[in-house]
Amino acid sequence: MNPESVRRMVAGWRIAEIREREERRKAGPDVAAAVQDALALMDLFGEMHGWPPPANEARHRDDELARERWRRVRSFYQAHGEAAKPEDP
């Protein structure tokens, strides 16, 4: 194969990739496929490591941080009620 043929072949691959990317963008996300893939990953993880995943310090710390932030947000809105909502969202 000569170099010019290789260049044309690679250019064709790039054009096809751009078209496919645009088609996927226009079609939007495939929710059913995403859920199916997520469930398949959970099954695979369960087969490999057991389910649920073992607790670790980083996950525990992140969960506690999220809970604390939620408590702050909830208490703020409980204290300020309707006055805390923006007038023109």
C-alpha atoms as a PDB file:
ATOM      1  CA  MET A   1       0.000   0.000   0.000  1.00  0.00           C
ATOM      2  CA  ASN A   2       1.427   3.345  -0.931  1.00  0.00           C
ATOM      3  CA  PRO A   3       1.459   6.344   1.444  1.00  0.00           C
ATOM      4  CA  GLU A   4      -1.228   8.230  -0.490  1.00  0.00           C
ATOM      5  CA  SER A   5      -3.650   5.301  -0.175  1.00  0.00           C
ATOM      6  CA  VAL A   6      -3.015   5.177   3.569  1.00  0.00           C
ATOM      7  CA  ARG A   7      -3.673   8.938   3.860  1.00  0.00           C
ATOM      8  CA  ARG A   8      -6.974   8.605   1.960  1.00  0.00           C
ATOM      9  CA  MET A   9      -7.985   5.652   4.110  1.00  0.00           C
ATOM     10  CA  VAL A  10      -7.252   7.536   7.348  1.00  0.00           C
ATOM     11  CA  ALA A  11      -9.077  10.628   6.045  1.00  0.00           C
ATOM     12  CA  GLY A  12     -12.094   8.432   5.276  1.00  0.00           C
ATOM     13  CA  TRP A  13     -12.027   7.011   8.807  1.00  0.00           C
ATOM     14  CA  ARG A  14     -11.941  10.518  10.261  1.00  0.00           C
ATOM     15  CA  ILE A  15     -14.874  11.658   8.117  1.00  0.00           C
ATOM     16  CA  ALA A  16     -16.873   8.578   9.113  1.00  0.00           C
ATOM     17  CA  GLU A  17     -16.072   9.180  12.786  1.00  0.00           C
ATOM     18  CA  ILE A  18     -17.263  12.796  12.552  1.00  0.00           C
ATOM     19  CA  ARG A  19     -20.516  11.705  10.884  1.00  0.00           C
ATOM     20  CA  GLU A  20     -21.141   9.007  13.473  1.00  0.00           C
ATOM     21  CA  ARG A  21     -20.475  11.466  16.303  1.00  0.00           C
ATOM     22  CA  GLU A  22     -22.941  13.953  14.838  1.00  0.00           C
ATOM     23  CA  GLU A  23     -25.575  11.226  14.375  1.00  0.00           C
ATOM     24  CA  ARG A  24     -25.156  10.140  18.010  1.00  0.00           C
ATOM     25  CA  ARG A  25     -25.419  13.779  19.124  1.00  0.00           C
ATOM     26  CA  LYS A  26     -28.637  14.270  17.143  1.00  0.00           C
ATOM     27  CA  ALA A  27     -30.125  11.007  18.414  1.00  0.00           C
ATOM     28  CA  GLY A  28     -29.497  11.973  22.036  1.00  0.00           C
ATOM     29  CA  PRO A  29     -28.709   9.655  24.886  1.00  0.00           C
ATOM     30  CA  ASP A  30     -30.030   6.120  24.887  1.00  0.00           C
ATOM     31  CA  VAL A  31     -31.435   5.895  28.410  1.00  0.00           C
ATOM     32  CA  ALA A  32     -32.386   2.224  28.170  1.00  0.00           C
ATOM     33  CA  ALA A  33     -28.880   1.282  27.053  1.00  0.00           C
ATOM     34  CA  ALA A  34     -27.316   3.381  29.823  1.00  0.00           C
ATOM     35  CA  VAL A  35     -29.422   1.671  32.493  1.00  0.00           C
ATOM     36  CA  GLN A  36     -28.698  -1.748  30.991  1.00  0.00           C
ATOM     37  CA  ASP A  37     -24.954  -1.003  30.968  1.00  0.00           C
ATOM     38  CA  ALA A  38     -25.048   0.229  34.573  1.00  0.00           C
ATOM     39  CA  LEU A  39     -26.839  -2.931  35.700  1.00  0.00           C
ATOM     40  CA  ALA A  40     -24.352  -5.077  33.783  1.00  0.00           C
ATOM     41  CA  LEU A  41     -21.460  -3.278  35.522  1.00  0.00           C
ATOM     42  CA  MET A  42     -23.088  -3.865  38.899  1.00  0.00           C
ATOM     43  CA  ASP A  43     -23.475  -7.568  38.067  1.00  0.00           C
ATOM     44  CA  LEU A  44     -19.847  -7.791  36.978  1.00  0.00           C
ATOM     45  CA  PHE A  45     -18.651  -6.020  40.122  1.00  0.00           C
ATOM     46  CA  GLY A  46     -20.780  -8.378  42.207  1.00  0.00           C
ATOM     47  CA  GLU A  47     -19.250 -11.414  40.518  1.00  0.00           C
ATOM     48  CA  MET A  48     -15.734 -10.094  40.975  1.00  0.00           C
ATOM     49  CA  HIS A  49     -15.886  -8.567  44.463  1.00  0.00           C
ATOM     50  CA  GLY A  50     -19.276  -9.312  46.009  1.00  0.00           C
ATOM     51  CA  TRP A  51     -22.174  -6.929  46.448  1.00  0.00           C
ATOM     52  CA  PRO A  52     -22.548  -4.415  47.980  1.00  0.00           C
ATOM     53  CA  PRO A  53     -19.052  -3.021  47.578  1.00  0.00           C
ATOM     54  CA  PRO A  54     -17.029  -3.000  50.786  1.00  0.00           C
ATOM     55  CA  ALA A  55     -17.147   0.188  52.797  1.00  0.00           C
ATOM     56  CA  ASN A  56     -14.066   2.333  52.730  1.00  0.00           C
ATOM     57  CA  GLU A  57     -13.001   5.467  54.550  1.00  0.00           C
ATOM     58  CA  ALA A  58     -13.216   7.741  51.482  1.00  0.00           C
ATOM     59  CA  ARG A  59     -16.778   6.678  50.685  1.00  0.00           C
ATOM     60  CA  HIS A  60     -17.809   7.077  54.327  1.00  0.00           C
ATOM     61  CA  ARG A  61     -16.228  10.562  54.449  1.00  0.00           C
ATOM     62  CA  ASP A  62     -17.962  11.599  51.207  1.00  0.00           C
ATOM     63  CA  ASP A  63     -21.316  10.325  52.485  1.00  0.00           C
ATOM     64  CA  GLU A  64     -20.947  12.242  55.739  1.00  0.00           C
ATOM     65  CA  LEU A  65     -19.962  15.400  53.869  1.00  0.00           C
ATOM     66  CA  ALA A  66     -23.026  15.098  51.628  1.00  0.00           C
ATOM     67  CA  ARG A  67     -25.283  14.563  54.656  1.00  0.00           C
ATOM     68  CA  GLU A  68     -23.833  17.588  56.435  1.00  0.00           C
ATOM     69  CA  ARG A  69     -24.318  19.795  53.378  1.00  0.00           C
ATOM     70  CA  TRP A  70     -27.887  18.564  52.982  1.00  0.00           C
ATOM     71  CA  ARG A  71     -28.581  19.353  56.652  1.00  0.00           C
ATOM     72  CA  ARG A  72     -27.268  22.894  56.129  1.00  0.00           C
ATOM     73  CA  VAL A  73     -29.390  23.455  53.030  1.00  0.00           C
ATOM     74  CA  ARG A  74     -32.489  21.969  54.645  1.00  0.00           C
ATOM     75  CA  SER A  75     -32.116  23.998  57.843  1.00  0.00           C
ATOM     76  CA  PHE A  76     -31.586  27.205  55.858  1.00  0.00           C
ATOM     77  CA  TYR A  77     -34.784  26.694  53.865  1.00  0.00           C
ATOM     78  CA  GLN A  78     -36.702  25.620  56.957  1.00  0.00           C
ATOM     79  CA  ALA A  79     -35.592  28.804  58.733  1.00  0.00           C
ATOM     80  CA  HIS A  80     -36.204  31.204  55.840  1.00  0.00           C
ATOM     81  CA  GLY A  81     -39.096  29.507  54.056  1.00  0.00           C
ATOM     82  CA  GLU A  82     -40.545  31.333  51.033  1.00  0.00           C
ATOM     83  CA  ALA A  83     -38.263  34.353  51.567  1.00  0.00           C
ATOM     84  CA  ALA A  84     -35.256  32.273  50.486  1.00  0.00           C
ATOM     85  CA  LYS A  85     -36.699  31.401  47.074  1.00  0.00           C
ATOM     86  CA  PRO A  86     -35.630  33.579  44.122  1.00  0.00           C
ATOM     87  CA  GLU A  87     -38.381  35.752  42.692  1.00  0.00           C
ATOM     88  CA  ASP A  88     -37.490  35.203  39.025  1.00  0.00           C
ATOM     89  CA  PRO A  89     -35.826  31.810  38.552  1.00  0.00           C
END
